[in-house]
N, C-alpha and C. Protein backbone atom coordinates (compact mmCIF):
# COMPACT_ATOMS: atom_id res chain seq x y z
N MET A 1 129.96 103.14 108.12
CA MET A 1 128.80 102.39 107.63
C MET A 1 128.64 101.09 108.41
N SER A 2 129.72 100.35 108.61
CA SER A 2 129.59 99.00 109.14
C SER A 2 128.99 99.00 110.54
N SER A 3 129.29 100.01 111.37
CA SER A 3 128.76 100.00 112.73
C SER A 3 127.24 100.11 112.73
N LEU A 4 126.68 100.85 111.81
CA LEU A 4 125.23 100.98 111.75
C LEU A 4 124.56 99.76 111.15
N LEU A 5 125.27 98.97 110.41
CA LEU A 5 124.66 97.83 109.75
C LEU A 5 124.74 96.53 110.56
N THR A 6 125.28 96.61 111.76
CA THR A 6 125.47 95.39 112.54
C THR A 6 124.22 94.97 113.29
N SER A 7 123.36 95.91 113.67
CA SER A 7 122.20 95.55 114.50
C SER A 7 121.00 95.22 113.63
N ARG A 8 120.20 94.24 114.10
CA ARG A 8 119.01 93.80 113.37
C ARG A 8 117.85 93.65 114.34
N HIS A 9 116.71 94.11 113.97
CA HIS A 9 115.51 93.94 114.78
C HIS A 9 114.94 92.55 114.48
N PRO A 10 114.65 91.75 115.50
CA PRO A 10 114.12 90.40 115.26
C PRO A 10 112.85 90.44 114.41
N GLY A 11 112.77 89.57 113.42
CA GLY A 11 111.56 89.45 112.62
C GLY A 11 111.40 90.48 111.52
N THR A 12 112.47 91.22 111.19
CA THR A 12 112.33 92.26 110.17
C THR A 12 112.52 91.75 108.76
N GLU A 13 112.85 90.47 108.59
CA GLU A 13 113.16 89.98 107.25
C GLU A 13 111.97 90.07 106.29
N SER A 14 110.75 90.17 106.81
CA SER A 14 109.58 90.23 105.94
C SER A 14 109.01 91.64 105.81
N VAL A 15 109.80 92.66 106.15
CA VAL A 15 109.36 94.05 105.99
C VAL A 15 110.25 94.75 104.97
N PHE A 16 109.85 95.95 104.60
CA PHE A 16 110.46 96.67 103.50
C PHE A 16 111.99 96.70 103.57
N GLY A 17 112.63 96.15 102.54
CA GLY A 17 114.06 96.29 102.34
C GLY A 17 114.95 95.55 103.31
N ALA A 18 114.38 94.74 104.20
CA ALA A 18 115.19 94.05 105.21
C ALA A 18 115.63 92.68 104.71
N GLY A 19 116.55 92.06 105.47
CA GLY A 19 117.05 90.75 105.11
C GLY A 19 117.97 90.80 103.90
N GLY A 20 118.42 89.65 103.48
CA GLY A 20 119.31 89.59 102.32
C GLY A 20 120.55 90.43 102.54
N HIS A 21 120.84 91.28 101.54
CA HIS A 21 122.03 92.14 101.60
C HIS A 21 121.74 93.54 102.11
N LEU A 22 120.56 93.74 102.72
CA LEU A 22 120.20 95.03 103.34
C LEU A 22 120.37 96.21 102.39
N PRO A 23 119.85 96.15 101.16
CA PRO A 23 120.08 97.24 100.20
C PRO A 23 119.49 98.57 100.64
N TYR A 24 118.35 98.54 101.31
CA TYR A 24 117.74 99.80 101.76
C TYR A 24 118.60 100.48 102.82
N ASP A 25 119.02 99.73 103.83
CA ASP A 25 119.87 100.31 104.88
C ASP A 25 121.17 100.85 104.30
N ARG A 26 121.76 100.11 103.35
CA ARG A 26 123.00 100.58 102.75
C ARG A 26 122.79 101.87 101.95
N ALA A 27 121.67 101.96 101.24
CA ALA A 27 121.39 103.17 100.47
C ALA A 27 121.20 104.37 101.39
N LEU A 28 120.63 104.15 102.57
CA LEU A 28 120.45 105.24 103.52
C LEU A 28 121.79 105.85 103.94
N LEU A 29 122.84 105.05 103.92
CA LEU A 29 124.15 105.50 104.38
C LEU A 29 125.04 106.00 103.25
N GLU A 30 124.58 105.87 102.01
CA GLU A 30 125.39 106.28 100.87
C GLU A 30 125.24 107.77 100.59
N THR A 31 126.14 108.26 99.73
CA THR A 31 126.07 109.66 99.31
C THR A 31 125.69 109.68 97.82
N VAL A 32 126.18 110.68 97.11
CA VAL A 32 125.76 110.91 95.72
C VAL A 32 125.94 109.66 94.86
N ASP A 33 124.95 109.44 93.97
CA ASP A 33 124.97 108.42 92.91
C ASP A 33 124.66 107.00 93.38
N ARG A 34 124.53 106.76 94.68
CA ARG A 34 124.29 105.39 95.13
C ARG A 34 123.10 105.31 96.08
N THR A 35 122.24 106.30 96.03
CA THR A 35 121.14 106.36 96.98
C THR A 35 119.81 105.86 96.41
N THR A 36 119.79 105.45 95.16
CA THR A 36 118.54 104.94 94.61
C THR A 36 118.46 103.43 94.76
N VAL A 37 117.24 102.97 95.02
CA VAL A 37 116.96 101.54 95.04
C VAL A 37 115.73 101.31 94.16
N ARG A 38 115.52 100.07 93.82
CA ARG A 38 114.36 99.74 92.99
C ARG A 38 113.49 98.72 93.72
N LEU A 39 112.20 99.01 93.76
CA LEU A 39 111.22 98.07 94.31
C LEU A 39 110.67 97.24 93.16
N VAL A 40 110.82 95.94 93.23
CA VAL A 40 110.37 95.08 92.14
C VAL A 40 109.59 93.90 92.70
N GLU A 41 108.78 93.30 91.84
CA GLU A 41 108.06 92.10 92.24
C GLU A 41 109.05 90.96 92.42
N ALA A 42 108.92 90.24 93.52
CA ALA A 42 109.94 89.27 93.91
C ALA A 42 110.08 88.12 92.93
N PHE A 43 108.99 87.64 92.40
CA PHE A 43 109.05 86.39 91.65
C PHE A 43 108.61 86.57 90.20
N SER A 44 108.86 87.75 89.65
CA SER A 44 108.51 88.03 88.26
C SER A 44 109.63 88.82 87.60
N ALA A 45 110.07 88.38 86.45
CA ALA A 45 111.14 89.08 85.73
C ALA A 45 110.63 90.35 85.08
N HIS A 46 109.34 90.41 84.77
CA HIS A 46 108.75 91.58 84.12
C HIS A 46 107.45 91.94 84.83
N SER A 47 107.42 93.13 85.46
CA SER A 47 106.24 93.50 86.24
C SER A 47 106.04 95.00 86.21
N ASP A 48 104.79 95.42 86.18
CA ASP A 48 104.47 96.84 86.25
C ASP A 48 104.69 97.41 87.64
N ALA A 49 105.00 96.55 88.60
CA ALA A 49 105.22 97.02 89.97
C ALA A 49 106.56 97.72 90.15
N ASP A 50 107.44 97.62 89.17
CA ASP A 50 108.79 98.19 89.25
C ASP A 50 108.72 99.69 89.59
N GLU A 51 109.41 100.09 90.65
CA GLU A 51 109.37 101.48 91.12
C GLU A 51 110.75 101.91 91.57
N LEU A 52 111.23 103.04 91.05
CA LEU A 52 112.52 103.61 91.46
C LEU A 52 112.31 104.52 92.66
N ILE A 53 113.11 104.32 93.69
CA ILE A 53 112.98 105.09 94.93
C ILE A 53 114.29 105.80 95.22
N ASP A 54 114.23 107.12 95.36
CA ASP A 54 115.41 107.90 95.70
C ASP A 54 115.48 108.05 97.22
N VAL A 55 116.27 107.22 97.84
CA VAL A 55 116.38 107.20 99.29
C VAL A 55 116.95 108.52 99.82
N ALA A 56 117.68 109.25 98.98
CA ALA A 56 118.22 110.54 99.41
C ALA A 56 117.12 111.50 99.83
N SER A 57 115.93 111.37 99.25
CA SER A 57 114.82 112.24 99.65
C SER A 57 114.34 111.93 101.06
N PHE A 58 114.61 110.73 101.55
CA PHE A 58 114.24 110.37 102.91
C PHE A 58 115.23 110.96 103.92
N THR A 59 116.51 110.97 103.55
CA THR A 59 117.54 111.46 104.47
C THR A 59 117.68 112.98 104.44
N ALA A 60 117.15 113.63 103.39
CA ALA A 60 117.20 115.09 103.30
C ALA A 60 116.19 115.71 104.26
N ALA A 61 116.28 117.04 104.41
CA ALA A 61 115.28 117.75 105.19
C ALA A 61 113.95 117.76 104.44
N ALA A 62 112.87 117.93 105.18
CA ALA A 62 111.55 118.02 104.57
C ALA A 62 111.54 119.13 103.52
N ASP A 63 110.99 118.82 102.33
CA ASP A 63 110.96 119.80 101.25
C ASP A 63 109.61 120.54 101.27
N PRO A 64 109.40 121.48 100.35
CA PRO A 64 108.14 122.25 100.37
C PRO A 64 106.89 121.38 100.25
N VAL A 65 106.96 120.29 99.52
CA VAL A 65 105.80 119.40 99.42
C VAL A 65 105.52 118.74 100.77
N ASP A 66 106.57 118.27 101.43
CA ASP A 66 106.42 117.70 102.77
C ASP A 66 105.83 118.72 103.74
N LEU A 67 106.32 119.94 103.68
CA LEU A 67 105.83 120.98 104.58
C LEU A 67 104.37 121.31 104.28
N GLY A 68 103.98 121.15 103.01
CA GLY A 68 102.58 121.33 102.65
C GLY A 68 101.69 120.29 103.30
N VAL A 69 102.20 119.06 103.42
CA VAL A 69 101.46 118.01 104.12
C VAL A 69 101.26 118.40 105.58
N LEU A 70 102.32 118.88 106.21
CA LEU A 70 102.20 119.31 107.60
C LEU A 70 101.23 120.48 107.73
N GLY A 71 101.25 121.37 106.74
CA GLY A 71 100.34 122.51 106.77
C GLY A 71 98.88 122.12 106.62
N ALA A 72 98.64 120.93 106.07
CA ALA A 72 97.27 120.45 105.89
C ALA A 72 96.77 119.68 107.10
N THR A 73 97.58 119.60 108.15
CA THR A 73 97.23 118.84 109.34
C THR A 73 97.52 119.68 110.58
N THR A 74 97.04 119.21 111.72
CA THR A 74 97.27 119.92 112.97
C THR A 74 97.55 118.92 114.09
N GLY A 75 98.05 119.46 115.19
CA GLY A 75 98.16 118.68 116.43
C GLY A 75 99.25 117.63 116.44
N ALA A 76 99.09 116.69 117.35
CA ALA A 76 100.09 115.65 117.56
C ALA A 76 100.11 114.70 116.36
N MET A 77 101.32 114.37 115.89
CA MET A 77 101.49 113.63 114.63
C MET A 77 102.26 112.34 114.85
N LEU A 78 101.75 111.26 114.29
CA LEU A 78 102.41 109.96 114.31
C LEU A 78 102.75 109.60 112.86
N ASP A 79 104.04 109.34 112.59
CA ASP A 79 104.50 109.00 111.24
C ASP A 79 104.83 107.51 111.20
N LEU A 80 104.02 106.75 110.48
CA LEU A 80 104.19 105.30 110.38
C LEU A 80 105.12 104.96 109.22
N GLY A 81 106.21 104.25 109.52
CA GLY A 81 107.25 104.02 108.52
C GLY A 81 108.03 105.30 108.29
N CYS A 82 108.49 105.91 109.36
CA CYS A 82 109.07 107.26 109.31
C CYS A 82 110.43 107.32 108.65
N GLY A 83 111.12 106.17 108.49
CA GLY A 83 112.46 106.21 107.92
C GLY A 83 113.39 107.05 108.77
N PRO A 84 114.25 107.86 108.13
CA PRO A 84 115.21 108.68 108.88
C PRO A 84 114.60 109.91 109.55
N GLY A 85 113.28 110.04 109.51
CA GLY A 85 112.61 111.01 110.39
C GLY A 85 112.47 112.43 109.88
N ARG A 86 112.49 112.64 108.56
CA ARG A 86 112.42 114.03 108.09
C ARG A 86 111.10 114.71 108.47
N MET A 87 109.99 113.96 108.41
CA MET A 87 108.70 114.56 108.73
C MET A 87 108.57 114.81 110.24
N VAL A 88 109.10 113.91 111.03
CA VAL A 88 109.06 114.09 112.48
C VAL A 88 109.91 115.29 112.88
N GLU A 89 111.10 115.38 112.32
CA GLU A 89 111.97 116.53 112.60
C GLU A 89 111.27 117.83 112.24
N ALA A 90 110.65 117.87 111.05
CA ALA A 90 109.98 119.09 110.61
C ALA A 90 108.82 119.46 111.51
N ALA A 91 108.05 118.45 111.95
CA ALA A 91 106.92 118.72 112.83
C ALA A 91 107.38 119.28 114.17
N VAL A 92 108.44 118.70 114.72
CA VAL A 92 108.98 119.18 115.99
C VAL A 92 109.46 120.62 115.86
N ARG A 93 110.09 120.93 114.74
CA ARG A 93 110.56 122.30 114.51
C ARG A 93 109.40 123.29 114.46
N LEU A 94 108.23 122.80 114.06
CA LEU A 94 107.03 123.64 114.02
C LEU A 94 106.31 123.70 115.37
N GLY A 95 106.90 123.05 116.37
CA GLY A 95 106.34 123.09 117.71
C GLY A 95 105.26 122.05 117.98
N ARG A 96 105.18 121.01 117.14
CA ARG A 96 104.17 119.98 117.30
C ARG A 96 104.73 118.76 118.01
N GLN A 97 103.91 118.09 118.78
CA GLN A 97 104.28 116.79 119.31
C GLN A 97 104.31 115.81 118.15
N ALA A 98 105.37 115.00 118.08
CA ALA A 98 105.49 114.08 116.95
C ALA A 98 106.28 112.85 117.37
N LEU A 99 105.96 111.73 116.72
CA LEU A 99 106.68 110.49 116.95
C LEU A 99 106.73 109.72 115.64
N GLY A 100 107.89 109.14 115.34
CA GLY A 100 108.04 108.28 114.17
C GLY A 100 108.20 106.84 114.59
N VAL A 101 107.67 105.93 113.77
CA VAL A 101 107.73 104.49 114.03
C VAL A 101 108.36 103.81 112.82
N ASP A 102 109.35 102.97 113.05
CA ASP A 102 110.00 102.26 111.96
C ASP A 102 110.69 101.03 112.53
N LEU A 103 111.10 100.12 111.62
CA LEU A 103 111.82 98.92 112.04
C LEU A 103 113.27 98.89 111.57
N SER A 104 113.67 99.81 110.70
CA SER A 104 115.06 99.84 110.24
C SER A 104 115.93 100.48 111.31
N SER A 105 116.85 99.71 111.87
CA SER A 105 117.73 100.27 112.90
C SER A 105 118.60 101.39 112.34
N VAL A 106 119.00 101.28 111.08
CA VAL A 106 119.81 102.34 110.45
C VAL A 106 118.98 103.61 110.32
N ALA A 107 117.75 103.50 109.81
CA ALA A 107 116.90 104.68 109.67
C ALA A 107 116.64 105.33 111.02
N LEU A 108 116.39 104.52 112.03
CA LEU A 108 116.11 105.08 113.35
C LEU A 108 117.32 105.77 113.96
N GLU A 109 118.50 105.22 113.72
CA GLU A 109 119.71 105.87 114.21
C GLU A 109 119.90 107.23 113.52
N LEU A 110 119.67 107.28 112.21
CA LEU A 110 119.79 108.54 111.49
C LEU A 110 118.75 109.55 111.98
N ALA A 111 117.55 109.07 112.27
CA ALA A 111 116.50 109.95 112.79
C ALA A 111 116.89 110.51 114.16
N ALA A 112 117.44 109.64 115.02
CA ALA A 112 117.84 110.08 116.36
C ALA A 112 118.95 111.13 116.27
N ARG A 113 119.84 110.98 115.31
CA ARG A 113 120.93 111.94 115.15
C ARG A 113 120.43 113.33 114.77
N ARG A 114 119.27 113.38 114.09
CA ARG A 114 118.72 114.69 113.74
C ARG A 114 117.73 115.19 114.78
N GLY A 115 117.62 114.48 115.89
CA GLY A 115 116.78 114.93 117.00
C GLY A 115 115.32 114.59 116.86
N ALA A 116 114.99 113.64 115.99
CA ALA A 116 113.60 113.26 115.79
C ALA A 116 113.20 112.16 116.78
N PRO A 117 112.14 112.34 117.54
CA PRO A 117 111.69 111.28 118.45
C PRO A 117 111.15 110.09 117.65
N VAL A 118 111.73 108.91 117.84
CA VAL A 118 111.35 107.74 117.06
C VAL A 118 111.28 106.52 117.96
N LEU A 119 110.55 105.51 117.47
CA LEU A 119 110.35 104.28 118.21
C LEU A 119 110.59 103.11 117.28
N SER A 120 111.36 102.13 117.74
CA SER A 120 111.57 100.90 116.98
C SER A 120 110.40 99.96 117.25
N ALA A 121 109.50 99.88 116.26
CA ALA A 121 108.30 99.06 116.42
C ALA A 121 107.64 98.85 115.08
N SER A 122 106.82 97.84 115.00
CA SER A 122 105.94 97.64 113.86
C SER A 122 104.70 98.51 114.03
N VAL A 123 104.09 98.88 112.92
CA VAL A 123 102.81 99.57 112.94
C VAL A 123 101.79 98.76 113.74
N PHE A 124 101.92 97.44 113.74
CA PHE A 124 100.94 96.56 114.35
C PHE A 124 101.26 96.22 115.80
N ASP A 125 102.38 96.73 116.32
CA ASP A 125 102.69 96.59 117.74
C ASP A 125 101.86 97.58 118.55
N PRO A 126 101.70 97.36 119.86
CA PRO A 126 101.11 98.40 120.70
C PRO A 126 101.95 99.67 120.63
N LEU A 127 101.29 100.82 120.43
CA LEU A 127 101.99 102.08 120.25
C LEU A 127 101.52 103.10 121.28
N PRO A 128 102.34 104.09 121.58
CA PRO A 128 101.94 105.11 122.56
C PRO A 128 100.71 105.89 122.10
N ASP A 129 99.87 106.25 123.06
CA ASP A 129 98.74 107.16 122.83
C ASP A 129 97.79 106.70 121.73
N GLU A 130 97.54 105.41 121.66
CA GLU A 130 96.61 104.92 120.63
C GLU A 130 95.24 105.57 120.79
N GLY A 131 94.68 106.01 119.67
CA GLY A 131 93.38 106.66 119.67
C GLY A 131 93.41 108.12 120.04
N ARG A 132 94.63 108.68 120.21
CA ARG A 132 94.73 110.09 120.63
C ARG A 132 95.60 110.94 119.71
N TRP A 133 96.01 110.39 118.57
CA TRP A 133 96.80 111.17 117.63
C TRP A 133 95.88 112.00 116.74
N ASP A 134 96.24 113.28 116.57
CA ASP A 134 95.46 114.16 115.70
C ASP A 134 95.74 113.88 114.23
N THR A 135 96.98 113.49 113.94
CA THR A 135 97.42 113.26 112.56
C THR A 135 98.23 111.98 112.51
N VAL A 136 97.95 111.14 111.52
CA VAL A 136 98.77 109.96 111.24
C VAL A 136 99.19 110.02 109.79
N LEU A 137 100.48 109.79 109.52
CA LEU A 137 101.02 109.84 108.17
C LEU A 137 101.37 108.45 107.67
N LEU A 138 101.04 108.21 106.39
CA LEU A 138 101.50 107.03 105.65
C LEU A 138 102.04 107.55 104.32
N LEU A 139 103.26 108.05 104.35
CA LEU A 139 103.86 108.67 103.17
C LEU A 139 104.84 107.71 102.50
N ASP A 140 105.40 108.16 101.37
CA ASP A 140 106.48 107.43 100.69
C ASP A 140 106.10 105.99 100.35
N GLY A 141 104.84 105.79 99.98
CA GLY A 141 104.40 104.45 99.61
C GLY A 141 104.04 103.55 100.76
N ASN A 142 103.98 104.08 101.98
CA ASN A 142 103.78 103.23 103.16
C ASN A 142 102.37 102.67 103.30
N ILE A 143 101.45 103.04 102.41
CA ILE A 143 100.18 102.33 102.36
C ILE A 143 100.42 100.86 102.02
N GLY A 144 101.61 100.56 101.51
CA GLY A 144 101.97 99.19 101.17
C GLY A 144 102.38 98.33 102.34
N ILE A 145 102.60 98.91 103.51
CA ILE A 145 103.11 98.15 104.66
C ILE A 145 102.22 96.94 104.96
N GLY A 146 102.82 95.77 104.99
CA GLY A 146 102.11 94.56 105.32
C GLY A 146 101.40 93.90 104.16
N GLY A 147 101.29 94.62 103.04
CA GLY A 147 100.70 94.04 101.84
C GLY A 147 99.18 93.96 101.84
N ASP A 148 98.52 94.49 102.87
CA ASP A 148 97.06 94.47 102.94
C ASP A 148 96.57 95.83 103.42
N PRO A 149 96.24 96.75 102.49
CA PRO A 149 95.85 98.10 102.88
C PRO A 149 94.60 98.16 103.76
N ASP A 150 93.68 97.19 103.62
CA ASP A 150 92.51 97.17 104.50
C ASP A 150 92.92 96.97 105.95
N VAL A 151 93.78 96.00 106.18
CA VAL A 151 94.26 95.74 107.54
C VAL A 151 95.02 96.95 108.07
N LEU A 152 95.84 97.55 107.23
CA LEU A 152 96.64 98.70 107.66
C LEU A 152 95.76 99.89 108.01
N LEU A 153 94.75 100.19 107.20
CA LEU A 153 93.90 101.34 107.50
C LEU A 153 92.99 101.08 108.70
N ARG A 154 92.58 99.84 108.91
CA ARG A 154 91.84 99.53 110.14
C ARG A 154 92.73 99.78 111.36
N ARG A 155 93.98 99.39 111.24
CA ARG A 155 94.92 99.64 112.34
C ARG A 155 95.11 101.15 112.54
N THR A 156 95.24 101.87 111.45
CA THR A 156 95.43 103.33 111.52
C THR A 156 94.21 104.01 112.14
N ARG A 157 93.02 103.48 111.81
CA ARG A 157 91.78 104.05 112.38
C ARG A 157 91.79 103.96 113.90
N ALA A 158 92.43 102.93 114.44
CA ALA A 158 92.49 102.76 115.89
C ALA A 158 93.50 103.70 116.54
N LEU A 159 94.38 104.28 115.74
CA LEU A 159 95.44 105.15 116.28
C LEU A 159 95.02 106.61 116.32
N VAL A 160 94.17 107.03 115.37
CA VAL A 160 93.84 108.44 115.23
C VAL A 160 92.67 108.81 116.15
N ARG A 161 92.69 110.04 116.60
CA ARG A 161 91.63 110.55 117.47
C ARG A 161 90.30 110.60 116.71
N ASP A 162 89.24 110.24 117.38
CA ASP A 162 87.92 110.20 116.74
C ASP A 162 87.31 111.60 116.78
N ALA A 163 87.78 112.44 115.84
CA ALA A 163 87.34 113.83 115.80
C ALA A 163 87.28 114.31 114.36
N ARG A 164 86.42 115.28 114.09
CA ARG A 164 86.22 115.75 112.71
C ARG A 164 87.47 116.37 112.12
N ASP A 165 88.32 116.97 112.97
CA ASP A 165 89.52 117.64 112.45
C ASP A 165 90.74 116.74 112.44
N SER A 166 90.61 115.47 112.86
CA SER A 166 91.73 114.53 112.77
C SER A 166 91.96 114.14 111.32
N ARG A 167 93.20 113.81 110.99
CA ARG A 167 93.52 113.47 109.61
C ARG A 167 94.50 112.30 109.55
N VAL A 168 94.26 111.43 108.57
CA VAL A 168 95.24 110.43 108.16
C VAL A 168 95.61 110.77 106.72
N VAL A 169 96.88 111.09 106.50
CA VAL A 169 97.33 111.49 105.17
C VAL A 169 98.11 110.33 104.55
N VAL A 170 97.64 109.89 103.39
CA VAL A 170 98.24 108.77 102.69
C VAL A 170 98.80 109.26 101.36
N GLU A 171 100.04 108.91 101.07
CA GLU A 171 100.62 109.22 99.76
C GLU A 171 100.31 108.09 98.79
N ALA A 172 99.73 108.47 97.67
CA ALA A 172 99.31 107.48 96.67
C ALA A 172 100.41 107.25 95.65
N SER A 173 100.31 106.12 94.97
CA SER A 173 101.18 105.88 93.81
C SER A 173 100.90 106.93 92.75
N ARG A 174 101.90 107.21 91.94
CA ARG A 174 101.71 108.16 90.84
C ARG A 174 100.91 107.57 89.70
N ARG A 175 100.63 106.26 89.79
CA ARG A 175 99.84 105.58 88.77
C ARG A 175 98.54 105.08 89.40
N ASP A 176 97.50 104.96 88.59
CA ASP A 176 96.21 104.46 89.07
C ASP A 176 96.26 102.94 89.13
N VAL A 177 96.81 102.43 90.23
CA VAL A 177 97.00 100.99 90.39
C VAL A 177 96.32 100.53 91.67
N ASP A 178 96.13 99.25 91.78
CA ASP A 178 95.60 98.62 92.98
C ASP A 178 96.11 97.19 92.98
N ARG A 179 97.31 97.00 93.53
CA ARG A 179 97.92 95.67 93.47
C ARG A 179 98.58 95.30 94.80
N ARG A 180 98.58 94.02 95.10
CA ARG A 180 99.27 93.44 96.24
C ARG A 180 100.19 92.37 95.72
N PHE A 181 101.41 92.30 96.24
CA PHE A 181 102.39 91.36 95.69
C PHE A 181 103.54 91.18 96.68
N ASP A 182 104.36 90.17 96.43
CA ASP A 182 105.62 90.01 97.18
C ASP A 182 106.69 90.81 96.46
N ALA A 183 107.40 91.63 97.20
CA ALA A 183 108.38 92.55 96.62
C ALA A 183 109.77 92.29 97.18
N VAL A 184 110.77 92.81 96.48
CA VAL A 184 112.13 92.92 97.01
C VAL A 184 112.66 94.30 96.66
N VAL A 185 113.62 94.75 97.42
CA VAL A 185 114.35 95.98 97.12
C VAL A 185 115.71 95.59 96.57
N VAL A 186 116.11 96.27 95.48
CA VAL A 186 117.38 95.99 94.80
C VAL A 186 118.17 97.29 94.70
N ASP A 187 119.45 97.26 95.06
CA ASP A 187 120.24 98.49 94.97
C ASP A 187 120.99 98.56 93.64
N VAL A 188 121.82 99.60 93.48
CA VAL A 188 122.49 99.85 92.20
C VAL A 188 123.50 98.75 91.86
N ASP A 189 123.91 97.97 92.85
CA ASP A 189 124.84 96.87 92.60
C ASP A 189 124.12 95.54 92.38
N GLY A 190 122.79 95.57 92.40
CA GLY A 190 122.03 94.35 92.21
C GLY A 190 121.82 93.55 93.48
N CYS A 191 122.24 94.08 94.63
CA CYS A 191 122.05 93.39 95.90
C CYS A 191 120.58 93.47 96.30
N ARG A 192 120.02 92.33 96.73
CA ARG A 192 118.59 92.23 96.98
C ARG A 192 118.28 92.04 98.46
N SER A 193 117.11 92.50 98.85
CA SER A 193 116.59 92.22 100.18
C SER A 193 115.87 90.88 100.17
N SER A 194 115.41 90.46 101.33
CA SER A 194 114.47 89.35 101.38
C SER A 194 113.13 89.82 100.83
N ALA A 195 112.28 88.87 100.46
CA ALA A 195 110.95 89.21 99.96
C ALA A 195 110.05 89.65 101.12
N PHE A 196 109.13 90.55 100.81
CA PHE A 196 108.19 91.04 101.82
C PHE A 196 106.87 91.38 101.14
N PRO A 197 105.75 91.26 101.85
CA PRO A 197 104.46 91.61 101.27
C PRO A 197 104.32 93.12 101.12
N TRP A 198 103.78 93.57 100.00
CA TRP A 198 103.68 95.00 99.73
C TRP A 198 102.43 95.28 98.90
N ALA A 199 102.06 96.54 98.80
CA ALA A 199 100.93 96.95 97.97
C ALA A 199 101.23 98.30 97.36
N GLN A 200 100.65 98.55 96.20
CA GLN A 200 100.71 99.85 95.54
C GLN A 200 99.28 100.26 95.20
N LEU A 201 98.90 101.47 95.62
CA LEU A 201 97.56 101.97 95.38
C LEU A 201 97.60 103.40 94.86
N GLY A 202 96.82 103.67 93.82
CA GLY A 202 96.61 105.03 93.38
C GLY A 202 95.57 105.72 94.26
N SER A 203 95.32 106.99 94.01
CA SER A 203 94.44 107.76 94.89
C SER A 203 93.00 107.24 94.90
N LEU A 204 92.51 106.78 93.76
CA LEU A 204 91.14 106.26 93.71
C LEU A 204 91.02 104.97 94.52
N ALA A 205 92.00 104.09 94.39
CA ALA A 205 92.00 102.85 95.17
C ALA A 205 92.12 103.13 96.66
N ILE A 206 92.94 104.09 97.02
CA ILE A 206 93.09 104.46 98.43
C ILE A 206 91.77 104.97 98.99
N ALA A 207 91.06 105.79 98.22
CA ALA A 207 89.76 106.29 98.67
C ALA A 207 88.78 105.16 98.90
N ARG A 208 88.79 104.15 98.03
CA ARG A 208 87.89 103.01 98.19
C ARG A 208 88.22 102.22 99.46
N VAL A 209 89.50 101.99 99.69
CA VAL A 209 89.91 101.24 100.88
C VAL A 209 89.56 102.03 102.14
N GLY A 210 89.79 103.33 102.11
CA GLY A 210 89.46 104.15 103.27
C GLY A 210 87.98 104.13 103.59
N ALA A 211 87.13 104.17 102.54
CA ALA A 211 85.68 104.22 102.74
C ALA A 211 85.16 102.98 103.44
N ARG A 212 85.78 101.84 103.21
CA ARG A 212 85.29 100.62 103.85
C ARG A 212 85.98 100.33 105.18
N ASN A 213 86.80 101.28 105.63
CA ASN A 213 87.51 101.07 106.90
C ASN A 213 87.42 102.27 107.83
N GLY A 214 86.30 102.98 107.76
CA GLY A 214 86.01 104.02 108.75
C GLY A 214 86.49 105.41 108.43
N PHE A 215 86.77 105.70 107.16
CA PHE A 215 87.25 107.02 106.79
C PHE A 215 86.43 107.63 105.66
N GLY A 216 86.37 108.95 105.65
CA GLY A 216 85.86 109.68 104.51
C GLY A 216 86.97 110.56 103.96
N VAL A 217 86.97 110.80 102.66
CA VAL A 217 87.99 111.64 102.04
C VAL A 217 87.72 113.11 102.38
N ALA A 218 88.68 113.73 103.03
CA ALA A 218 88.58 115.16 103.33
C ALA A 218 89.19 116.02 102.24
N ARG A 219 90.21 115.47 101.58
CA ARG A 219 90.91 116.25 100.55
C ARG A 219 91.77 115.33 99.72
N ARG A 220 91.88 115.63 98.43
CA ARG A 220 92.86 114.99 97.54
C ARG A 220 93.63 116.09 96.85
N TRP A 221 94.96 115.92 96.73
CA TRP A 221 95.73 116.94 96.03
C TRP A 221 97.01 116.36 95.45
N ARG A 222 97.59 117.14 94.53
CA ARG A 222 98.87 116.81 93.92
C ARG A 222 99.84 117.95 94.16
N ALA A 223 101.09 117.61 94.37
CA ALA A 223 102.12 118.64 94.56
C ALA A 223 103.47 118.02 94.24
N GLY A 224 104.25 118.71 93.44
CA GLY A 224 105.60 118.25 93.13
C GLY A 224 105.63 116.88 92.49
N GLY A 225 104.61 116.53 91.72
CA GLY A 225 104.55 115.21 91.10
C GLY A 225 104.08 114.10 92.03
N ARG A 226 103.73 114.44 93.25
CA ARG A 226 103.26 113.47 94.23
C ARG A 226 101.74 113.62 94.45
N ARG A 227 101.09 112.55 94.91
CA ARG A 227 99.65 112.54 95.11
C ARG A 227 99.33 112.16 96.53
N PHE A 228 98.33 112.84 97.10
CA PHE A 228 97.98 112.62 98.50
C PHE A 228 96.48 112.51 98.66
N VAL A 229 96.08 111.72 99.65
CA VAL A 229 94.69 111.63 100.08
C VAL A 229 94.67 111.87 101.58
N ALA A 230 93.85 112.83 102.02
CA ALA A 230 93.68 113.08 103.46
C ALA A 230 92.33 112.53 103.89
N PHE A 231 92.33 111.63 104.87
CA PHE A 231 91.12 111.03 105.40
C PHE A 231 90.73 111.71 106.71
N ALA A 232 89.42 111.76 106.93
CA ALA A 232 88.88 112.12 108.23
C ALA A 232 88.10 110.92 108.77
N PRO A 233 88.17 110.65 110.06
CA PRO A 233 87.41 109.53 110.62
C PRO A 233 85.91 109.76 110.45
N CYS A 234 85.19 108.69 110.11
CA CYS A 234 83.73 108.77 110.01
C CYS A 234 83.08 108.41 111.37
């Protein structure tokens, strides 16, 4: 564990689970019973933003719901906030060009070990093949990246190919919410990350944000208790 936790990407303290005691990175390296973390509002003792996250689902292989997402898309795929790379690995196994982008050095190392092509970068950094990706993914709550979904979807619009069959697939919150807040990640021992800007959006809120940032809803669906919105560029 310690060798993977020694490296830090400059400026990551304000992104998901970074800084502080690195609870997210530590959970990625744990086994049974210690892989859950909690996303909570940073400066509130009682908040509806509280969300339990099973990090083991990120390190596992893509499950049938994940494969259904891939089945709803085609072509070259860019996974924003890819974590340990399960979606990238699955896409490559299906013969698709794929790339994952993340800032967690631990997640990227785990992704590389499973043979997933990944890049250490922010969503807002210059990225390969901008404007030429057939599919862009924002799964596992990653519509929250940066705390401003409008800015994030405008950025995503610049990454995806301007074609009727291109898709941006966003995973929605399981609740009908639309909130922006400062968050922290807390592990089972109470160890906290630094605070970072985040957002939680249900499917209706995601559709509204997409409509004002160059997207139309191509499909909405539920599977395995999860909710998804697929956008097509307008």
